[in-house]
Structures are given as C-alpha cells and as structure tokens.
C-alpha cells in the first residue's frame, strides 16, 4: 500500500466508524443519556471528572478544558477536573499507593454525590479507571464509560458508550466526537441555547 492509499484508507475507516455510530440508535441514546446526566449535575451545582491513560489522558484534559473554558460560545465556566493533569498528585499516589490507585484516590478526595465521572479507555480494561468507578459508586458519583466495541471491565459503569470499532485510532477519533457532542449539548442546555425535546 502506498502513502496516498494509506491516507485514504485511514479517512475512509474513520468515516465508516462514525457512520456506524450514526446508525446505532442505542449508542445515540447513550450519548443523550450521558449529556442529560451532565446537565443535571451542573444544574445541581456539581462537577464532572475525567480520567484515562496515554492518549485517553490527553482526551480527559481536552474535554475538561471544554467545560471549564468554553466550547462554542462565551459563557461562565463549568466545573470540571481532569484527574490526569496534576503531576505531583499523580507521582505521589503512584509512589505511595501504586499506579492502580491514581484515579480512585482522587475521586475519594474530590468526588461528591451528584458528580459525574468519565472513564476513557480504548480497551475498556484500564485497572486504574475501573478501580475509580468502585469509589464513585460508594460516593454516589455517576460513572460514564467511553470505550471500544469489545466487552470489557468498564461495562460495569452506569452509562457505557462503546465506539463501534476495535481499532485504537478509530476508537479515539470516535471518542473525541462523542465528547464534543456531549460538550455542545451540555453548554447549550445549561445556558439556555437548546430547545429540549
């Protein structure tokens, strides 16, 4: 395969994954459910928290930033925390308790009843994300999973949004799209720019 064909294949595969998402009513309903949960949290004075590893850690910071700063229009910031961002916290927990506790320890410290926790993972089996979900359940924090299509440990989350692919790049591209859709809905709903059905 030459370079030109490789480029076209990547774009075609990405479009195909998103088309499969568009045609899956169950997944669309899960995205709406997740967006409504975030709207409810913000309207009740709560926050969102995001966690993931590697590229998913970058996605966690990206989506938290969309809420805190802005997405499509100027408005007050919405409270959101990327549990991947504070290197002192991450290295302290990693050193003192272990990598598996990176996010659970922070949820225990920051999470309150009514918050929403997003776990982002292409495999859906990230131990530190799954462990955080257990603490969320103890604290009354709603859990939302963004994963790939395969069955996984994160299937235990309250809302599970499974991108229709098993290829890491396609899953990540789809997760970004889903995150943007949720940010758009929440921003518009919370600040009165959305007519809800």
C-alpha atoms as a PDB file:
ATOM      1  CA  UNK A   1       0.000   0.000   0.000  1.00  0.00           C
ATOM      2  CA  UNK A   2       1.456   3.385  -0.966  1.00  0.00           C
ATOM      3  CA  UNK A   3       1.246   6.536   1.168  1.00  0.00           C
ATOM      4  CA  UNK A   4      -1.688   8.002  -0.760  1.00  0.00           C
ATOM      5  CA  UNK A   5      -3.704   4.803  -0.327  1.00  0.00           C
ATOM      6  CA  UNK A   6      -2.825   4.657   3.370  1.00  0.00           C
ATOM      7  CA  UNK A   7      -4.117   8.207   3.887  1.00  0.00           C
ATOM      8  CA  UNK A   8      -7.342   7.444   2.048  1.00  0.00           C
ATOM      9  CA  UNK A   9      -7.865   4.213   3.981  1.00  0.00           C
ATOM     10  CA  UNK A  10      -7.468   5.947   7.349  1.00  0.00           C
ATOM     11  CA  UNK A  11     -10.008   8.610   6.360  1.00  0.00           C
ATOM     12  CA  UNK A  12     -12.396   6.038   4.934  1.00  0.00           C
ATOM     13  CA  UNK A  13     -12.158   3.865   8.057  1.00  0.00           C
ATOM     14  CA  UNK A  14     -12.775   6.877  10.293  1.00  0.00           C
ATOM     15  CA  UNK A  15     -15.843   7.866   8.277  1.00  0.00           C
ATOM     16  CA  UNK A  16     -17.119   4.282   8.420  1.00  0.00           C
ATOM     17  CA  UNK A  17     -16.799   4.176  12.203  1.00  0.00           C
ATOM     18  CA  UNK A  18     -18.700   7.430  12.583  1.00  0.00           C
ATOM     19  CA  UNK A  19     -21.361   6.239  10.120  1.00  0.00           C
ATOM     20  CA  UNK A  20     -21.816   3.116  12.242  1.00  0.00           C
ATOM     21  CA  UNK A  21     -22.211   5.341  15.293  1.00  0.00           C
ATOM     22  CA  UNK A  22     -24.795   7.472  13.499  1.00  0.00           C
ATOM     23  CA  UNK A  23     -26.837   4.405  12.568  1.00  0.00           C
ATOM     24  CA  UNK A  24     -26.817   2.859  16.062  1.00  0.00           C
ATOM     25  CA  UNK A  25     -29.858   4.170  17.938  1.00  0.00           C
ATOM     26  CA  UNK A  26     -28.759   2.534  21.181  1.00  0.00           C
ATOM     27  CA  UNK A  27     -25.431   4.375  21.119  1.00  0.00           C
ATOM     28  CA  UNK A  28     -27.112   7.665  20.227  1.00  0.00           C
ATOM     29  CA  UNK A  29     -29.452   7.188  23.191  1.00  0.00           C
ATOM     30  CA  UNK A  30     -26.469   6.508  25.463  1.00  0.00           C
ATOM     31  CA  UNK A  31     -24.826   9.757  24.328  1.00  0.00           C
ATOM     32  CA  UNK A  32     -28.034  11.658  25.069  1.00  0.00           C
ATOM     33  CA  UNK A  33     -28.291   9.951  28.467  1.00  0.00           C
ATOM     34  CA  UNK A  34     -24.709  10.958  29.280  1.00  0.00           C
ATOM     35  CA  UNK A  35     -25.321  14.557  28.208  1.00  0.00           C
ATOM     36  CA  UNK A  36     -28.501  14.766  30.300  1.00  0.00           C
ATOM     37  CA  UNK A  37     -26.626  13.386  33.320  1.00  0.00           C
ATOM     38  CA  UNK A  38     -24.006  16.132  32.949  1.00  0.00           C
ATOM     39  CA  UNK A  39     -26.711  18.780  32.583  1.00  0.00           C
ATOM     40  CA  UNK A  40     -28.378  17.560  35.775  1.00  0.00           C
ATOM     41  CA  UNK A  41     -25.052  17.572  37.619  1.00  0.00           C
ATOM     42  CA  UNK A  42     -24.247  21.137  36.595  1.00  0.00           C
ATOM     43  CA  UNK A  43     -27.725  22.424  37.344  1.00  0.00           C
ATOM     44  CA  UNK A  44     -27.397  20.946  40.836  1.00  0.00           C
ATOM     45  CA  UNK A  45     -24.035  22.589  41.496  1.00  0.00           C
ATOM     46  CA  UNK A  46     -21.917  19.508  40.866  1.00  0.00           C
ATOM     47  CA  UNK A  47     -18.946  18.827  38.582  1.00  0.00           C
ATOM     48  CA  UNK A  48     -17.541  16.392  36.050  1.00  0.00           C
ATOM     49  CA  UNK A  49     -14.301  14.462  36.410  1.00  0.00           C
ATOM     50  CA  UNK A  50     -12.331  12.825  33.583  1.00  0.00           C
ATOM     51  CA  UNK A  51      -9.690  10.091  33.660  1.00  0.00           C
ATOM     52  CA  UNK A  52      -7.739   7.956  31.218  1.00  0.00           C
ATOM     53  CA  UNK A  53      -4.231   6.777  30.341  1.00  0.00           C
ATOM     54  CA  UNK A  54      -1.912   7.758  27.494  1.00  0.00           C
ATOM     55  CA  UNK A  55      -3.894   9.293  24.634  1.00  0.00           C
ATOM     56  CA  UNK A  56      -7.005   8.959  26.772  1.00  0.00           C
ATOM     57  CA  UNK A  57      -5.309  11.093  29.439  1.00  0.00           C
ATOM     58  CA  UNK A  58      -4.922  13.816  26.822  1.00  0.00           C
ATOM     59  CA  UNK A  59      -8.594  13.385  25.897  1.00  0.00           C
ATOM     60  CA  UNK A  60      -9.541  13.723  29.581  1.00  0.00           C
ATOM     61  CA  UNK A  61      -7.712  17.049  29.800  1.00  0.00           C
ATOM     62  CA  UNK A  62      -9.150  18.192  26.470  1.00  0.00           C
ATOM     63  CA  UNK A  63     -12.775  17.559  27.461  1.00  0.00           C
ATOM     64  CA  UNK A  64     -12.397  19.027  30.947  1.00  0.00           C
ATOM     65  CA  UNK A  65     -10.970  22.157  29.307  1.00  0.00           C
ATOM     66  CA  UNK A  66     -14.002  22.445  27.014  1.00  0.00           C
ATOM     67  CA  UNK A  67     -16.243  22.657  30.083  1.00  0.00           C
ATOM     68  CA  UNK A  68     -14.047  24.993  32.147  1.00  0.00           C
ATOM     69  CA  UNK A  69     -13.234  27.414  29.321  1.00  0.00           C
ATOM     70  CA  UNK A  70     -15.844  27.276  26.552  1.00  0.00           C
ATOM     71  CA  UNK A  71     -16.914  25.113  23.644  1.00  0.00           C
ATOM     72  CA  UNK A  72     -18.965  27.066  21.085  1.00  0.00           C
ATOM     73  CA  UNK A  73     -19.770  30.366  22.751  1.00  0.00           C
ATOM     74  CA  UNK A  74     -18.698  32.658  25.575  1.00  0.00           C
ATOM     75  CA  UNK A  75     -20.279  31.770  28.932  1.00  0.00           C
ATOM     76  CA  UNK A  76     -19.278  31.159  32.568  1.00  0.00           C
ATOM     77  CA  UNK A  77     -17.002  28.192  33.172  1.00  0.00           C
ATOM     78  CA  UNK A  78     -18.421  24.846  34.225  1.00  0.00           C
ATOM     79  CA  UNK A  79     -16.538  22.954  36.968  1.00  0.00           C
ATOM     80  CA  UNK A  80     -14.624  20.022  35.510  1.00  0.00           C
ATOM     81  CA  UNK A  81     -11.457  18.259  36.642  1.00  0.00           C
ATOM     82  CA  UNK A  82      -9.017  16.151  34.632  1.00  0.00           C
ATOM     83  CA  UNK A  83      -7.614  13.646  37.128  1.00  0.00           C
ATOM     84  CA  UNK A  84      -4.641  13.203  34.779  1.00  0.00           C
ATOM     85  CA  UNK A  85      -3.223  16.709  34.997  1.00  0.00           C
ATOM     86  CA  UNK A  86      -1.511  17.235  38.373  1.00  0.00           C
ATOM     87  CA  UNK A  87       1.880  15.543  38.130  1.00  0.00           C
ATOM     88  CA  UNK A  88       2.639  15.995  41.833  1.00  0.00           C
ATOM     89  CA  UNK A  89      -0.600  14.255  42.788  1.00  0.00           C
ATOM     90  CA  UNK A  90      -0.077  11.502  40.201  1.00  0.00           C
ATOM     91  CA  UNK A  91       3.503  10.768  41.235  1.00  0.00           C
ATOM     92  CA  UNK A  92       2.683  10.913  44.964  1.00  0.00           C
ATOM     93  CA  UNK A  93      -0.179   8.436  44.603  1.00  0.00           C
ATOM     94  CA  UNK A  94       1.830   6.262  42.220  1.00  0.00           C
ATOM     95  CA  UNK A  95       4.757   6.188  44.625  1.00  0.00           C
ATOM     96  CA  UNK A  96       2.814   5.790  47.866  1.00  0.00           C
ATOM     97  CA  UNK A  97      -0.064   3.562  46.763  1.00  0.00           C
ATOM     98  CA  UNK A  98       0.596   2.324  43.212  1.00  0.00           C
ATOM     99  CA  UNK A  99      -0.496   3.101  39.664  1.00  0.00           C
ATOM    100  CA  UNK A 100      -3.825   1.296  40.093  1.00  0.00           C
ATOM    101  CA  UNK A 101      -4.904   3.891  42.686  1.00  0.00           C
ATOM    102  CA  UNK A 102      -4.141   7.017  40.593  1.00  0.00           C
ATOM    103  CA  UNK A 103      -7.773   7.935  39.972  1.00  0.00           C
ATOM    104  CA  UNK A 104      -9.563   6.154  42.833  1.00  0.00           C
ATOM    105  CA  UNK A 105      -7.604   8.185  45.373  1.00  0.00           C
ATOM    106  CA  UNK A 106      -8.537  11.449  43.641  1.00  0.00           C
ATOM    107  CA  UNK A 107     -12.211  10.506  43.373  1.00  0.00           C
ATOM    108  CA  UNK A 108     -12.122   9.742  47.088  1.00  0.00           C
ATOM    109  CA  UNK A 109     -10.647  13.199  47.723  1.00  0.00           C
ATOM    110  CA  UNK A 110     -12.692  15.313  45.272  1.00  0.00           C
ATOM    111  CA  UNK A 111     -15.842  13.405  44.390  1.00  0.00           C
ATOM    112  CA  UNK A 112     -19.190  14.206  45.988  1.00  0.00           C
ATOM    113  CA  UNK A 113     -22.649  12.764  45.498  1.00  0.00           C
ATOM    114  CA  UNK A 114     -24.163  14.032  42.246  1.00  0.00           C
ATOM    115  CA  UNK A 115     -20.858  14.424  40.385  1.00  0.00           C
ATOM    116  CA  UNK A 116     -20.210  12.671  37.062  1.00  0.00           C
ATOM    117  CA  UNK A 117     -17.048  10.640  36.342  1.00  0.00           C
ATOM    118  CA  UNK A 118     -15.948   9.899  32.774  1.00  0.00           C
ATOM    119  CA  UNK A 119     -13.594   6.968  32.292  1.00  0.00           C
ATOM    120  CA  UNK A 120     -11.936   6.971  28.864  1.00  0.00           C
ATOM    121  CA  UNK A 121     -10.204   3.830  27.585  1.00  0.00           C
ATOM    122  CA  UNK A 122      -9.854   2.225  24.167  1.00  0.00           C
ATOM    123  CA  UNK A 123      -9.625  -1.265  25.696  1.00  0.00           C
ATOM    124  CA  UNK A 124     -12.110  -0.603  28.484  1.00  0.00           C
ATOM    125  CA  UNK A 125      -9.856  -2.579  30.832  1.00  0.00           C
ATOM    126  CA  UNK A 126      -7.675   0.125  32.423  1.00  0.00           C
ATOM    127  CA  UNK A 127      -7.309  -1.027  36.016  1.00  0.00           C
ATOM    128  CA  UNK A 128      -6.955   2.453  37.491  1.00  0.00           C
ATOM    129  CA  UNK A 129     -10.116   3.673  35.708  1.00  0.00           C
ATOM    130  CA  UNK A 130     -12.128   0.613  36.768  1.00  0.00           C
ATOM    131  CA  UNK A 131     -10.943   0.992  40.364  1.00  0.00           C
ATOM    132  CA  UNK A 132     -12.042   4.637  40.367  1.00  0.00           C
ATOM    133  CA  UNK A 133     -15.538   3.534  39.354  1.00  0.00           C
ATOM    134  CA  UNK A 134     -15.812   1.443  42.522  1.00  0.00           C
ATOM    135  CA  UNK A 135     -15.094   4.524  44.639  1.00  0.00           C
ATOM    136  CA  UNK A 136     -17.592   6.514  42.552  1.00  0.00           C
ATOM    137  CA  UNK A 137     -20.342   4.023  43.379  1.00  0.00           C
ATOM    138  CA  UNK A 138     -19.539   4.309  47.096  1.00  0.00           C
ATOM    139  CA  UNK A 139     -19.767   8.105  46.903  1.00  0.00           C
ATOM    140  CA  UNK A 140     -22.854   8.436  44.686  1.00  0.00           C
ATOM    141  CA  UNK A 141     -20.906   9.645  41.656  1.00  0.00           C
ATOM    142  CA  UNK A 142     -22.413   8.627  38.304  1.00  0.00           C
ATOM    143  CA  UNK A 143     -19.968   6.799  36.034  1.00  0.00           C
ATOM    144  CA  UNK A 144     -19.789   7.103  32.239  1.00  0.00           C
ATOM    145  CA  UNK A 145     -17.513   4.861  30.171  1.00  0.00           C
ATOM    146  CA  UNK A 146     -16.132   5.746  26.748  1.00  0.00           C
ATOM    147  CA  UNK A 147     -14.693   2.521  25.346  1.00  0.00           C
ATOM    148  CA  UNK A 148     -14.283   0.482  22.177  1.00  0.00           C
ATOM    149  CA  UNK A 149     -16.720  -2.124  20.895  1.00  0.00           C
ATOM    150  CA  UNK A 150     -15.298  -5.153  22.726  1.00  0.00           C
ATOM    151  CA  UNK A 151     -16.691  -6.473  26.013  1.00  0.00           C
ATOM    152  CA  UNK A 152     -14.608  -5.070  28.859  1.00  0.00           C
ATOM    153  CA  UNK A 153     -14.295  -4.405  32.588  1.00  0.00           C
ATOM    154  CA  UNK A 154     -15.787  -0.919  32.160  1.00  0.00           C
ATOM    155  CA  UNK A 155     -19.106  -2.471  31.107  1.00  0.00           C
ATOM    156  CA  UNK A 156     -19.993  -2.152  34.826  1.00  0.00           C
ATOM    157  CA  UNK A 157     -20.252   1.667  34.544  1.00  0.00           C
ATOM    158  CA  UNK A 158     -23.671   3.344  34.870  1.00  0.00           C
ATOM    159  CA  UNK A 159     -23.649   4.556  31.251  1.00  0.00           C
ATOM    160  CA  UNK A 160     -21.464   2.733  28.716  1.00  0.00           C
ATOM    161  CA  UNK A 161     -20.800   4.302  25.309  1.00  0.00           C
ATOM    162  CA  UNK A 162     -18.978   1.776  23.127  1.00  0.00           C
ATOM    163  CA  UNK A 163     -17.448   3.264  19.980  1.00  0.00           C
ATOM    164  CA  UNK A 164     -18.225   0.867  17.095  1.00  0.00           C
ATOM    165  CA  UNK A 165     -14.640  -0.213  16.379  1.00  0.00           C
ATOM    166  CA  UNK A 166     -11.876  -2.384  17.800  1.00  0.00           C
ATOM    167  CA  UNK A 167      -9.060  -0.309  16.268  1.00  0.00           C
ATOM    168  CA  UNK A 168      -7.425   2.106  18.712  1.00  0.00           C
ATOM    169  CA  UNK A 169      -7.106   5.123  16.349  1.00  0.00           C
ATOM    170  CA  UNK A 170     -10.724   4.798  15.175  1.00  0.00           C
ATOM    171  CA  UNK A 171     -11.957   4.433  18.763  1.00  0.00           C
ATOM    172  CA  UNK A 172     -10.048   7.547  19.846  1.00  0.00           C
ATOM    173  CA  UNK A 173     -11.389   9.581  16.929  1.00  0.00           C
ATOM    174  CA  UNK A 174     -14.914   8.480  17.767  1.00  0.00           C
ATOM    175  CA  UNK A 175     -14.441   9.250  21.470  1.00  0.00           C
ATOM    176  CA  UNK A 176     -13.380  12.792  20.613  1.00  0.00           C
ATOM    177  CA  UNK A 177     -16.506  13.239  18.501  1.00  0.00           C
ATOM    178  CA  UNK A 178     -18.730  11.894  21.290  1.00  0.00           C
ATOM    179  CA  UNK A 179     -17.027  14.124  23.837  1.00  0.00           C
ATOM    180  CA  UNK A 180     -17.584  17.161  21.618  1.00  0.00           C
ATOM    181  CA  UNK A 181     -21.255  16.269  21.138  1.00  0.00           C
ATOM    182  CA  UNK A 182     -21.744  15.998  24.904  1.00  0.00           C
ATOM    183  CA  UNK A 183     -19.945  19.313  25.498  1.00  0.00           C
ATOM    184  CA  UNK A 184     -22.090  21.015  22.861  1.00  0.00           C
ATOM    185  CA  UNK A 185     -25.372  19.691  24.307  1.00  0.00           C
ATOM    186  CA  UNK A 186     -24.426  20.498  27.899  1.00  0.00           C
ATOM    187  CA  UNK A 187     -23.174  24.004  27.145  1.00  0.00           C
ATOM    188  CA  UNK A 188     -26.304  24.827  25.155  1.00  0.00           C
ATOM    189  CA  UNK A 189     -28.716  23.272  27.660  1.00  0.00           C
ATOM    190  CA  UNK A 190     -27.179  24.777  30.791  1.00  0.00           C
ATOM    191  CA  UNK A 191     -27.034  28.266  29.306  1.00  0.00           C
ATOM    192  CA  UNK A 192     -30.426  28.187  27.601  1.00  0.00           C
ATOM    193  CA  UNK A 193     -29.427  27.858  23.935  1.00  0.00           C
ATOM    194  CA  UNK A 194     -31.062  24.464  23.386  1.00  0.00           C
ATOM    195  CA  UNK A 195     -34.676  23.530  22.836  1.00  0.00           C
ATOM    196  CA  UNK A 196     -35.051  20.160  24.605  1.00  0.00           C
ATOM    197  CA  UNK A 197     -37.487  17.531  23.319  1.00  0.00           C
END
